[in-house]
Amino acid sequence: AEKLQIPKAEISTMGLRIETTLSLPVQQAAEEVLATGLHPY
């Protein structure tokens, strides 16, 4: 929204393809590590 200078809500109606740097395996591992690490507390 900041780069395109448009309201955030408009992005979901524009038919864009947004390519990101996220790695889904790394993301899944990060979520599991956080959940497991906080579980004892």
Full PDB file with SEQRES, HELIX, SHEET, SSBOND, CRYST1, ORIGX, SCALE, CONECT and MASTER records, all heavy atoms in Angstrom:
SEQRES   1 A   41  ALA GLU LYS LEU GLN ILE PRO LYS ALA GLU ILE SER THR          
SEQRES   2 A   41  MET GLY LEU ARG ILE GLU THR THR LEU SER LEU PRO VAL          
SEQRES   3 A   41  GLN GLN ALA ALA GLU GLU VAL LEU ALA THR GLY LEU HIS          
SEQRES   4 A   41  PRO TYR                                                      
HELIX    1 AA1 LYS A    8  THR A   13  5                                   6    
HELIX    2 AA2 LEU A   24  LEU A   38  1                                  15    
CRYST1    1.000    1.000    1.000  90.00  90.00  90.00 P 1           1          
ORIGX1      1.000000  0.000000  0.000000        0.00000                         
ORIGX2      0.000000  1.000000  0.000000        0.00000                         
ORIGX3      0.000000  0.000000  1.000000        0.00000                         
SCALE1      1.000000  0.000000  0.000000        0.00000                         
SCALE2      0.000000  1.000000  0.000000        0.00000                         
SCALE3      0.000000  0.000000  1.000000        0.00000                         
ATOM      1  N   ALA A   1       0.830  -1.209   0.000  1.00  0.00           N  
ATOM      2  CA  ALA A   1       0.000   0.000   0.000  1.00  0.00           C  
ATOM      3  C   ALA A   1       0.860   1.253   0.000  1.00  0.00           C  
ATOM      4  O   ALA A   1       0.541   2.246  -0.681  1.00  0.00           O  
ATOM      5  CB  ALA A   1      -0.930  -0.014   1.213  1.00  0.00           C  
ATOM      6  N   GLU A   2       1.968   1.206   0.747  1.00  0.00           N  
ATOM      7  CA  GLU A   2       2.857   2.373   0.800  1.00  0.00           C  
ATOM      8  C   GLU A   2       3.555   2.597  -0.534  1.00  0.00           C  
ATOM      9  O   GLU A   2       3.656   3.723  -1.018  1.00  0.00           O  
ATOM     10  CB  GLU A   2       3.892   2.163   1.912  1.00  0.00           C  
ATOM     11  CG  GLU A   2       4.836   3.343   2.090  1.00  0.00           C  
ATOM     12  CD  GLU A   2       5.846   3.118   3.207  1.00  0.00           C  
ATOM     13  OE1 GLU A   2       5.652   2.183   4.001  1.00  0.00           O  
ATOM     14  OE2 GLU A   2       6.834   3.880   3.263  1.00  0.00           O  
ATOM     15  N   LYS A   3       4.026   1.511  -1.161  1.00  0.00           N  
ATOM     16  CA  LYS A   3       4.737   1.651  -2.433  1.00  0.00           C  
ATOM     17  C   LYS A   3       3.803   2.079  -3.564  1.00  0.00           C  
ATOM     18  O   LYS A   3       4.180   2.850  -4.448  1.00  0.00           O  
ATOM     19  CB  LYS A   3       5.432   0.337  -2.793  1.00  0.00           C  
ATOM     20  CG  LYS A   3       6.616  -0.006  -1.896  1.00  0.00           C  
ATOM     21  CD  LYS A   3       7.298  -1.276  -2.343  1.00  0.00           C  
ATOM     22  CE  LYS A   3       8.478  -1.618  -1.443  1.00  0.00           C  
ATOM     23  NZ  LYS A   3       9.534  -0.572  -1.500  1.00  0.00           N  
ATOM     24  N   LEU A   4       2.581   1.546  -3.571  1.00  0.00           N  
ATOM     25  CA  LEU A   4       1.618   1.873  -4.631  1.00  0.00           C  
ATOM     26  C   LEU A   4       0.848   3.146  -4.327  1.00  0.00           C  
ATOM     27  O   LEU A   4       0.141   3.665  -5.206  1.00  0.00           O  
ATOM     28  CB  LEU A   4       0.630   0.714  -4.809  1.00  0.00           C  
ATOM     29  CG  LEU A   4       1.231  -0.617  -5.271  1.00  0.00           C  
ATOM     30  CD1 LEU A   4       0.161  -1.706  -5.272  1.00  0.00           C  
ATOM     31  CD2 LEU A   4       1.835  -0.476  -6.670  1.00  0.00           C  
ATOM     32  N   GLN A   5       0.968   3.630  -3.092  1.00  0.00           N  
ATOM     33  CA  GLN A   5       0.267   4.839  -2.641  1.00  0.00           C  
ATOM     34  C   GLN A   5      -1.245   4.716  -2.850  1.00  0.00           C  
ATOM     35  O   GLN A   5      -1.890   5.580  -3.447  1.00  0.00           O  
ATOM     36  CB  GLN A   5       0.817   6.081  -3.364  1.00  0.00           C  
ATOM     37  CG  GLN A   5       2.277   6.348  -3.037  1.00  0.00           C  
ATOM     38  CD  GLN A   5       2.783   7.657  -3.618  1.00  0.00           C  
ATOM     39  OE1 GLN A   5       2.133   8.279  -4.453  1.00  0.00           O  
ATOM     40  NE2 GLN A   5       3.948   8.087  -3.175  1.00  0.00           N  
ATOM     41  N   ILE A   6      -1.785   3.611  -2.360  1.00  0.00           N  
ATOM     42  CA  ILE A   6      -3.214   3.358  -2.418  1.00  0.00           C  
ATOM     43  C   ILE A   6      -3.673   2.846  -1.062  1.00  0.00           C  
ATOM     44  O   ILE A   6      -2.860   2.365  -0.271  1.00  0.00           O  
ATOM     45  CB  ILE A   6      -3.578   2.321  -3.501  1.00  0.00           C  
ATOM     46  CG1 ILE A   6      -2.856   0.992  -3.224  1.00  0.00           C  
ATOM     47  CG2 ILE A   6      -3.267   2.838  -4.900  1.00  0.00           C  
ATOM     48  CD1 ILE A   6      -3.274  -0.128  -4.154  1.00  0.00           C  
ATOM     49  N   PRO A   7      -4.976   2.929  -0.761  1.00  0.00           N  
ATOM     50  CA  PRO A   7      -5.472   2.359   0.492  1.00  0.00           C  
ATOM     51  C   PRO A   7      -5.229   0.854   0.539  1.00  0.00           C  
ATOM     52  O   PRO A   7      -5.322   0.164  -0.473  1.00  0.00           O  
ATOM     53  CB  PRO A   7      -6.975   2.679   0.466  1.00  0.00           C  
ATOM     54  CG  PRO A   7      -7.101   3.841  -0.454  1.00  0.00           C  
ATOM     55  CD  PRO A   7      -6.031   3.666  -1.484  1.00  0.00           C  
ATOM     56  N   LYS A   8      -4.924   0.354   1.704  1.00  0.00           N  
ATOM     57  CA  LYS A   8      -4.624  -1.061   1.895  1.00  0.00           C  
ATOM     58  C   LYS A   8      -5.769  -1.959   1.421  1.00  0.00           C  
ATOM     59  O   LYS A   8      -5.551  -3.026   0.845  1.00  0.00           O  
ATOM     60  CB  LYS A   8      -4.337  -1.302   3.377  1.00  0.00           C  
ATOM     61  CG  LYS A   8      -3.933  -2.708   3.752  1.00  0.00           C  
ATOM     62  CD  LYS A   8      -3.623  -2.767   5.245  1.00  0.00           C  
ATOM     63  CE  LYS A   8      -3.373  -4.188   5.702  1.00  0.00           C  
ATOM     64  NZ  LYS A   8      -3.099  -4.237   7.169  1.00  0.00           N  
ATOM     65  N   ALA A   9      -7.025  -1.507   1.636  1.00  0.00           N  
ATOM     66  CA  ALA A   9      -8.192  -2.324   1.288  1.00  0.00           C  
ATOM     67  C   ALA A   9      -8.313  -2.545  -0.220  1.00  0.00           C  
ATOM     68  O   ALA A   9      -8.905  -3.536  -0.661  1.00  0.00           O  
ATOM     69  CB  ALA A   9      -9.468  -1.671   1.821  1.00  0.00           C  
ATOM     70  N   GLU A  10      -7.764  -1.633  -1.046  1.00  0.00           N  
ATOM     71  CA  GLU A  10      -7.899  -1.750  -2.502  1.00  0.00           C  
ATOM     72  C   GLU A  10      -7.061  -2.878  -3.088  1.00  0.00           C  
ATOM     73  O   GLU A  10      -7.356  -3.382  -4.172  1.00  0.00           O  
ATOM     74  CB  GLU A  10      -7.530  -0.421  -3.181  1.00  0.00           C  
ATOM     75  CG  GLU A  10      -8.555   0.677  -2.999  1.00  0.00           C  
ATOM     76  CD  GLU A  10      -8.214   1.909  -3.811  1.00  0.00           C  
ATOM     77  OE1 GLU A  10      -7.364   1.797  -4.736  1.00  0.00           O  
ATOM     78  OE2 GLU A  10      -8.777   2.973  -3.529  1.00  0.00           O  
ATOM     79  N   ILE A  11      -6.004  -3.266  -2.393  1.00  0.00           N  
ATOM     80  CA  ILE A  11      -5.083  -4.266  -2.930  1.00  0.00           C  
ATOM     81  C   ILE A  11      -5.797  -5.582  -3.208  1.00  0.00           C  
ATOM     82  O   ILE A  11      -5.509  -6.278  -4.188  1.00  0.00           O  
ATOM     83  CB  ILE A  11      -3.908  -4.486  -1.954  1.00  0.00           C  
ATOM     84  CG1 ILE A  11      -3.085  -3.196  -1.858  1.00  0.00           C  
ATOM     85  CG2 ILE A  11      -3.027  -5.642  -2.408  1.00  0.00           C  
ATOM     86  CD1 ILE A  11      -1.984  -3.252  -0.839  1.00  0.00           C  
ATOM     87  N   SER A  12      -6.771  -5.932  -2.361  1.00  0.00           N  
ATOM     88  CA  SER A  12      -7.464  -7.210  -2.509  1.00  0.00           C  
ATOM     89  C   SER A  12      -8.465  -7.216  -3.652  1.00  0.00           C  
ATOM     90  O   SER A  12      -9.119  -8.226  -3.900  1.00  0.00           O  
ATOM     91  CB  SER A  12      -8.186  -7.564  -1.203  1.00  0.00           C  
ATOM     92  OG  SER A  12      -9.150  -6.582  -0.884  1.00  0.00           O  
ATOM     93  N   THR A  13      -8.614  -6.101  -4.394  1.00  0.00           N  
ATOM     94  CA  THR A  13      -9.566  -6.049  -5.514  1.00  0.00           C  
ATOM     95  C   THR A  13      -8.878  -5.843  -6.857  1.00  0.00           C  
ATOM     96  O   THR A  13      -9.550  -5.762  -7.880  1.00  0.00           O  
ATOM     97  CB  THR A  13     -10.571  -4.900  -5.308  1.00  0.00           C  
ATOM     98  OG1 THR A  13      -9.880  -3.633  -5.411  1.00  0.00           O  
ATOM     99  CG2 THR A  13     -11.242  -4.985  -3.952  1.00  0.00           C  
ATOM    100  N   MET A  14      -7.537  -5.778  -6.867  1.00  0.00           N  
ATOM    101  CA  MET A  14      -6.821  -5.341  -8.070  1.00  0.00           C  
ATOM    102  C   MET A  14      -6.264  -6.477  -8.920  1.00  0.00           C  
ATOM    103  O   MET A  14      -5.703  -6.238  -9.989  1.00  0.00           O  
ATOM    104  CB  MET A  14      -5.683  -4.391  -7.672  1.00  0.00           C  
ATOM    105  CG  MET A  14      -6.159  -3.116  -7.003  1.00  0.00           C  
ATOM    106  SD  MET A  14      -4.800  -2.098  -6.374  1.00  0.00           S  
ATOM    107  CE  MET A  14      -3.954  -1.661  -7.894  1.00  0.00           C  
ATOM    108  N   GLY A  15      -6.371  -7.709  -8.481  1.00  0.00           N  
ATOM    109  CA  GLY A  15      -5.854  -8.824  -9.269  1.00  0.00           C  
ATOM    110  C   GLY A  15      -4.348  -8.835  -9.389  1.00  0.00           C  
ATOM    111  O   GLY A  15      -3.797  -9.257 -10.410  1.00  0.00           O  
ATOM    112  N   LEU A  16      -3.644  -8.402  -8.329  1.00  0.00           N  
ATOM    113  CA  LEU A  16      -2.185  -8.346  -8.363  1.00  0.00           C  
ATOM    114  C   LEU A  16      -1.564  -9.711  -8.066  1.00  0.00           C  
ATOM    115  O   LEU A  16      -2.222 -10.591  -7.513  1.00  0.00           O  
ATOM    116  CB  LEU A  16      -1.672  -7.335  -7.328  1.00  0.00           C  
ATOM    117  CG  LEU A  16      -2.197  -5.907  -7.427  1.00  0.00           C  
ATOM    118  CD1 LEU A  16      -1.663  -5.071  -6.269  1.00  0.00           C  
ATOM    119  CD2 LEU A  16      -1.801  -5.278  -8.756  1.00  0.00           C  
ATOM    120  N   ARG A  17      -0.318  -9.846  -8.405  1.00  0.00           N  
ATOM    121  CA  ARG A  17       0.492 -11.007  -7.995  1.00  0.00           C  
ATOM    122  C   ARG A  17       1.675 -10.440  -7.220  1.00  0.00           C  
ATOM    123  O   ARG A  17       2.575  -9.836  -7.815  1.00  0.00           O  
ATOM    124  CB  ARG A  17       0.952 -11.825  -9.194  1.00  0.00           C  
ATOM    125  CG  ARG A  17       1.802 -13.051  -8.808  1.00  0.00           C  
ATOM    126  CD  ARG A  17       2.227 -13.825 -10.042  1.00  0.00           C  
ATOM    127  NE  ARG A  17       3.138 -14.907  -9.722  1.00  0.00           N  
ATOM    128  CZ  ARG A  17       2.756 -16.134  -9.345  1.00  0.00           C  
ATOM    129  NH1 ARG A  17       1.465 -16.404  -9.247  1.00  0.00           N  
ATOM    130  NH2 ARG A  17       3.640 -17.069  -9.082  1.00  0.00           N  
ATOM    131  N   ILE A  18       1.667 -10.626  -5.914  1.00  0.00           N  
ATOM    132  CA  ILE A  18       2.704 -10.064  -5.052  1.00  0.00           C  
ATOM    133  C   ILE A  18       3.709 -11.155  -4.718  1.00  0.00           C  
ATOM    134  O   ILE A  18       3.376 -12.137  -4.050  1.00  0.00           O  
ATOM    135  CB  ILE A  18       2.090  -9.485  -3.765  1.00  0.00           C  
ATOM    136  CG1 ILE A  18       1.049  -8.408  -4.114  1.00  0.00           C  
ATOM    137  CG2 ILE A  18       3.177  -8.903  -2.871  1.00  0.00           C  
ATOM    138  CD1 ILE A  18       0.324  -7.846  -2.910  1.00  0.00           C  
ATOM    139  N   GLU A  19       4.939 -10.985  -5.185  1.00  0.00           N  
ATOM    140  CA  GLU A  19       6.005 -11.950  -4.937  1.00  0.00           C  
ATOM    141  C   GLU A  19       6.798 -11.519  -3.711  1.00  0.00           C  
ATOM    142  O   GLU A  19       7.221 -10.362  -3.612  1.00  0.00           O  
ATOM    143  CB  GLU A  19       6.911 -12.075  -6.164  1.00  0.00           C  
ATOM    144  CG  GLU A  19       6.161 -12.560  -7.398  1.00  0.00           C  
ATOM    145  CD  GLU A  19       7.054 -12.719  -8.610  1.00  0.00           C  
ATOM    146  OE1 GLU A  19       8.247 -12.352  -8.510  1.00  0.00           O  
ATOM    147  OE2 GLU A  19       6.562 -13.210  -9.653  1.00  0.00           O  
ATOM    148  N   THR A  20       7.016 -12.433  -2.776  1.00  0.00           N  
ATOM    149  CA  THR A  20       7.691 -12.105  -1.525  1.00  0.00           C  
ATOM    150  C   THR A  20       8.936 -12.962  -1.327  1.00  0.00           C  
ATOM    151  O   THR A  20       9.209 -13.879  -2.106  1.00  0.00           O  
ATOM    152  CB  THR A  20       6.749 -12.333  -0.323  1.00  0.00           C  
ATOM    153  OG1 THR A  20       6.588 -13.741  -0.111  1.00  0.00           O  
ATOM    154  CG2 THR A  20       5.379 -11.705  -0.566  1.00  0.00           C  
ATOM    155  N   THR A  21       9.675 -12.665  -0.257  1.00  0.00           N  
ATOM    156  CA  THR A  21      10.899 -13.407   0.070  1.00  0.00           C  
ATOM    157  C   THR A  21      10.633 -14.519   1.080  1.00  0.00           C  
ATOM    158  O   THR A  21      11.557 -15.240   1.458  1.00  0.00           O  
ATOM    159  CB  THR A  21      11.952 -12.448   0.655  1.00  0.00           C  
ATOM    160  OG1 THR A  21      11.420 -11.855   1.855  1.00  0.00           O  
ATOM    161  CG2 THR A  21      12.305 -11.355  -0.336  1.00  0.00           C  
ATOM    162  N   LEU A  22       9.399 -14.670   1.532  1.00  0.00           N  
ATOM    163  CA  LEU A  22       9.079 -15.648   2.563  1.00  0.00           C  
ATOM    164  C   LEU A  22       9.350 -17.081   2.091  1.00  0.00           C  
ATOM    165  O   LEU A  22       9.013 -17.446   0.975  1.00  0.00           O  
ATOM    166  CB  LEU A  22       7.604 -15.527   2.959  1.00  0.00           C  
ATOM    167  CG  LEU A  22       7.168 -16.388   4.146  1.00  0.00           C  
ATOM    168  CD1 LEU A  22       7.569 -15.717   5.453  1.00  0.00           C  
ATOM    169  CD2 LEU A  22       5.668 -16.635   4.126  1.00  0.00           C  
ATOM    170  N   SER A  23       9.952 -17.877   2.983  1.00  0.00           N  
ATOM    171  CA  SER A  23      10.127 -19.308   2.744  1.00  0.00           C  
ATOM    172  C   SER A  23       9.125 -20.041   3.626  1.00  0.00           C  
ATOM    173  O   SER A  23       9.209 -19.961   4.859  1.00  0.00           O  
ATOM    174  CB  SER A  23      11.555 -19.738   3.092  1.00  0.00           C  
ATOM    175  OG  SER A  23      11.650 -21.148   3.129  1.00  0.00           O  
ATOM    176  N   LEU A  24       8.196 -20.750   3.017  1.00  0.00           N  
ATOM    177  CA  LEU A  24       7.156 -21.426   3.802  1.00  0.00           C  
ATOM    178  C   LEU A  24       7.722 -22.478   4.763  1.00  0.00           C  
ATOM    179  O   LEU A  24       7.260 -22.575   5.904  1.00  0.00           O  
ATOM    180  CB  LEU A  24       6.112 -22.041   2.862  1.00  0.00           C  
ATOM    181  CG  LEU A  24       5.136 -21.032   2.232  1.00  0.00           C  
ATOM    182  CD1 LEU A  24       4.223 -21.725   1.230  1.00  0.00           C  
ATOM    183  CD2 LEU A  24       4.305 -20.344   3.313  1.00  0.00           C  
ATOM    184  N   PRO A  25       8.719 -23.283   4.367  1.00  0.00           N  
ATOM    185  CA  PRO A  25       9.304 -24.229   5.342  1.00  0.00           C  
ATOM    186  C   PRO A  25       9.939 -23.516   6.534  1.00  0.00           C  
ATOM    187  O   PRO A  25       9.795 -23.962   7.684  1.00  0.00           O  
ATOM    188  CB  PRO A  25      10.345 -24.991   4.518  1.00  0.00           C  
ATOM    189  CG  PRO A  25       9.866 -24.880   3.108  1.00  0.00           C  
ATOM    190  CD  PRO A  25       9.251 -23.522   3.011  1.00  0.00           C  
ATOM    191  N   VAL A  26      10.645 -22.417   6.273  1.00  0.00           N  
ATOM    192  CA  VAL A  26      11.269 -21.667   7.365  1.00  0.00           C  
ATOM    193  C   VAL A  26      10.189 -21.024   8.240  1.00  0.00           C  
ATOM    194  O   VAL A  26      10.295 -21.004   9.472  1.00  0.00           O  
ATOM    195  CB  VAL A  26      12.234 -20.595   6.813  1.00  0.00           C  
ATOM    196  CG1 VAL A  26      12.818 -19.760   7.953  1.00  0.00           C  
ATOM    197  CG2 VAL A  26      13.355 -21.244   6.014  1.00  0.00           C  
ATOM    198  N   GLN A  27       9.130 -20.497   7.600  1.00  0.00           N  
ATOM    199  CA  GLN A  27       8.039 -19.891   8.345  1.00  0.00           C  
ATOM    200  C   GLN A  27       7.362 -20.913   9.264  1.00  0.00           C  
ATOM    201  O   GLN A  27       7.079 -20.629  10.430  1.00  0.00           O  
ATOM    202  CB  GLN A  27       7.006 -19.306   7.376  1.00  0.00           C  
ATOM    203  CG  GLN A  27       5.747 -18.730   8.024  1.00  0.00           C  
ATOM    204  CD  GLN A  27       6.009 -17.476   8.824  1.00  0.00           C  
ATOM    205  OE1 GLN A  27       6.977 -16.758   8.562  1.00  0.00           O  
ATOM    206  NE2 GLN A  27       5.144 -17.181   9.782  1.00  0.00           N  
ATOM    207  N   GLN A  28       7.112 -22.104   8.736  1.00  0.00           N  
ATOM    208  CA  GLN A  28       6.485 -23.152   9.546  1.00  0.00           C  
ATOM    209  C   GLN A  28       7.378 -23.532  10.728  1.00  0.00           C  
ATOM    210  O   GLN A  28       6.899 -23.706  11.861  1.00  0.00           O  
ATOM    211  CB  GLN A  28       6.209 -24.383   8.686  1.00  0.00           C  
ATOM    212  CG  GLN A  28       5.479 -25.501   9.438  1.00  0.00           C  
ATOM    213  CD  GLN A  28       5.173 -26.686   8.546  1.00  0.00           C  
ATOM    214  OE1 GLN A  28       5.424 -26.666   7.344  1.00  0.00           O  
ATOM    215  NE2 GLN A  28       4.617 -27.736   9.137  1.00  0.00           N  
ATOM    216  N   ALA A  29       8.683 -23.641  10.480  1.00  0.00           N  
ATOM    217  CA  ALA A  29       9.620 -23.974  11.554  1.00  0.00           C  
ATOM    218  C   ALA A  29       9.644 -22.872  12.611  1.00  0.00           C  
ATOM    219  O   ALA A  29       9.688 -23.158  13.819  1.00  0.00           O  
ATOM    220  CB  ALA A  29      11.021 -24.185  10.973  1.00  0.00           C  
ATOM    221  N   ALA A  30       9.590 -21.610  12.167  1.00  0.00           N  
ATOM    222  CA  ALA A  30       9.608 -20.487  13.107  1.00  0.00           C  
ATOM    223  C   ALA A  30       8.367 -20.496  13.998  1.00  0.00           C  
ATOM    224  O   ALA A  30       8.457 -20.267  15.212  1.00  0.00           O  
ATOM    225  CB  ALA A  30       9.688 -19.177  12.329  1.00  0.00           C  
ATOM    226  N   GLU A  31       7.218 -20.763  13.403  1.00  0.00           N  
ATOM    227  CA  GLU A  31       5.978 -20.809  14.183  1.00  0.00           C  
ATOM    228  C   GLU A  31       6.017 -21.954  15.193  1.00  0.00           C  
ATOM    229  O   GLU A  31       5.580 -21.798  16.346  1.00  0.00           O  
ATOM    230  CB  GLU A  31       4.780 -20.958  13.242  1.00  0.00           C  
ATOM    231  CG  GLU A  31       4.528 -19.726  12.377  1.00  0.00           C  
ATOM    232  CD  GLU A  31       3.423 -19.941  11.358  1.00  0.00           C  
ATOM    233  OE1 GLU A  31       2.859 -21.051  11.317  1.00  0.00           O  
ATOM    234  OE2 GLU A  31       3.117 -18.997  10.602  1.00  0.00           O  
ATOM    235  N   GLU A  32       6.543 -23.112  14.785  1.00  0.00           N  
ATOM    236  CA  GLU A  32       6.628 -24.261  15.696  1.00  0.00           C  
ATOM    237  C   GLU A  32       7.617 -24.002  16.826  1.00  0.00           C  
ATOM    238  O   GLU A  32       7.357 -24.339  17.990  1.00  0.00           O  
ATOM    239  CB  GLU A  32       7.029 -25.507  14.905  1.00  0.00           C  
ATOM    240  CG  GLU A  32       5.949 -25.996  13.943  1.00  0.00           C  
ATOM    241  CD  GLU A  32       6.424 -27.154  13.085  1.00  0.00           C  
ATOM    242  OE1 GLU A  32       7.624 -27.516  13.193  1.00  0.00           O  
ATOM    243  OE2 GLU A  32       5.611 -27.695  12.294  1.00  0.00           O  
ATOM    244  N   VAL A  33       8.759 -23.381  16.522  1.00  0.00           N  
ATOM    245  CA  VAL A  33       9.770 -23.086  17.545  1.00  0.00           C  
ATOM    246  C   VAL A  33       9.208 -22.126  18.583  1.00  0.00           C  
ATOM    247  O   VAL A  33       9.397 -22.320  19.798  1.00  0.00           O  
ATOM    248  CB  VAL A  33      11.039 -22.494  16.887  1.00  0.00           C  
ATOM    249  CG1 VAL A  33      11.928 -21.835  17.937  1.00  0.00           C  
ATOM    250  CG2 VAL A  33      11.811 -23.577  16.162  1.00  0.00           C  
ATOM    251  N   LEU A  34       8.498 -21.093  18.121  1.00  0.00           N  
ATOM    252  CA  LEU A  34       7.941 -20.118  19.060  1.00  0.00           C  
ATOM    253  C   LEU A  34       6.893 -20.773  19.956  1.00  0.00           C  
ATOM    254  O   LEU A  34       6.880 -20.568  21.177  1.00  0.00           O  
ATOM    255  CB  LEU A  34       7.327 -18.943  18.295  1.00  0.00           C  
ATOM    256  CG  LEU A  34       6.868 -17.764  19.155  1.00  0.00           C  
ATOM    257  CD1 LEU A  34       8.047 -17.123  19.865  1.00  0.00           C  
ATOM    258  CD2 LEU A  34       6.137 -16.727  18.310  1.00  0.00           C  
ATOM    259  N   ALA A  35       5.999 -21.569  19.340  1.00  0.00           N  
ATOM    260  CA  ALA A  35       4.946 -22.225  20.123  1.00  0.00           C  
ATOM    261  C   ALA A  35       5.533 -23.223  21.119  1.00  0.00           C  
ATOM    262  O   ALA A  35       5.130 -23.285  22.287  1.00  0.00           O  
ATOM    263  CB  ALA A  35       3.962 -22.923  19.190  1.00  0.00           C  
ATOM    264  N   THR A  36       6.541 -23.998  20.675  1.00  0.00           N  
ATOM    265  CA  THR A  36       7.160 -25.001  21.549  1.00  0.00           C  
ATOM    266  C   THR A  36       7.960 -24.348  22.670  1.00  0.00           C  
ATOM    267  O   THR A  36       7.914 -24.779  23.826  1.00  0.00           O  
ATOM    268  CB  THR A  36       8.081 -25.921  20.732  1.00  0.00           C  
ATOM    269  OG1 THR A  36       7.329 -26.520  19.674  1.00  0.00           O  
ATOM    270  CG2 THR A  36       8.674 -27.015  21.604  1.00  0.00           C  
ATOM    271  N   GLY A  37       8.680 -23.298  22.331  1.00  0.00           N  
ATOM    272  CA  GLY A  37       9.512 -22.620  23.327  1.00  0.00           C  
ATOM    273  C   GLY A  37       8.713 -21.946  24.419  1.00  0.00           C  
ATOM    274  O   GLY A  37       9.164 -21.853  25.568  1.00  0.00           O  
ATOM    275  N   LEU A  38       7.529 -21.458  24.095  1.00  0.00           N  
ATOM    276  CA  LEU A  38       6.709 -20.759  25.082  1.00  0.00           C  
ATOM    277  C   LEU A  38       5.783 -21.684  25.846  1.00  0.00           C  
ATOM    278  O   LEU A  38       5.191 -21.291  26.849  1.00  0.00           O  
ATOM    279  CB  LEU A  38       5.883 -19.662  24.394  1.00  0.00           C  
ATOM    280  CG  LEU A  38       6.670 -18.485  23.828  1.00  0.00           C  
ATOM    281  CD1 LEU A  38       5.738 -17.533  23.087  1.00  0.00           C  
ATOM    282  CD2 LEU A  38       7.395 -17.738  24.928  1.00  0.00           C  
ATOM    283  N   HIS A  39       5.622 -22.911  25.359  1.00  0.00           N  
ATOM    284  CA  HIS A  39       4.659 -23.831  25.974  1.00  0.00           C  
ATOM    285  C   HIS A  39       4.905 -24.075  27.468  1.00  0.00           C  
ATOM    286  O   HIS A  39       3.959 -24.088  28.271  1.00  0.00           O  
ATOM    287  CB  HIS A  39       4.656 -25.158  25.222  1.00  0.00           C  
ATOM    288  CG  HIS A  39       3.669 -26.147  25.763  1.00  0.00           C  
ATOM    289  ND1 HIS A  39       2.306 -26.015  25.595  1.00  0.00           N  
ATOM    290  CD2 HIS A  39       3.865 -27.280  26.509  1.00  0.00           C  
ATOM    291  CE1 HIS A  39       1.698 -27.017  26.205  1.00  0.00           C  
ATOM    292  NE2 HIS A  39       2.617 -27.793  26.758  1.00  0.00           N  
ATOM    293  N   PRO A  40       6.167 -24.276  27.932  1.00  0.00           N  
ATOM    294  CA  PRO A  40       6.388 -24.542  29.364  1.00  0.00           C  
ATOM    295  C   PRO A  40       5.975 -23.391  30.281  1.00  0.00           C  
ATOM    296  O   PRO A  40       5.792 -23.592  31.485  1.00  0.00           O  
ATOM    297  CB  PRO A  40       7.903 -24.777  29.452  1.00  0.00           C  
ATOM    298  CG  PRO A  40       8.301 -25.176  28.070  1.00  0.00           C  
ATOM    299  CD  PRO A  40       7.418 -24.389  27.172  1.00  0.00           C  
ATOM    300  N   TYR A  41       5.832 -22.179  29.695  1.00  0.00           N  
ATOM    301  CA  TYR A  41       5.529 -21.012  30.519  1.00  0.00           C  
ATOM    302  C   TYR A  41       4.037 -20.685  30.570  1.00  0.00           C  
ATOM    303  O   TYR A  41       3.651 -19.664  31.123  1.00  0.00           O  
ATOM    304  CB  TYR A  41       6.303 -19.802  30.001  1.00  0.00           C  
ATOM    305  CG  TYR A  41       7.781 -20.044  29.937  1.00  0.00           C  
ATOM    306  CD1 TYR A  41       8.401 -20.371  28.736  1.00  0.00           C  
ATOM    307  CD2 TYR A  41       8.570 -19.980  31.089  1.00  0.00           C  
ATOM    308  CE1 TYR A  41       9.770 -20.616  28.681  1.00  0.00           C  
ATOM    309  CE2 TYR A  41       9.929 -20.218  31.044  1.00  0.00           C  
ATOM    310  CZ  TYR A  41      10.524 -20.540  29.838  1.00  0.00           C  
ATOM    311  OH  TYR A  41      11.876 -20.788  29.788  1.00  0.00           O  
TER     312      TYR A  41                                                      
MASTER        0    0    0    2    0    0    0    6  311    1    0    4          
END                                                                             
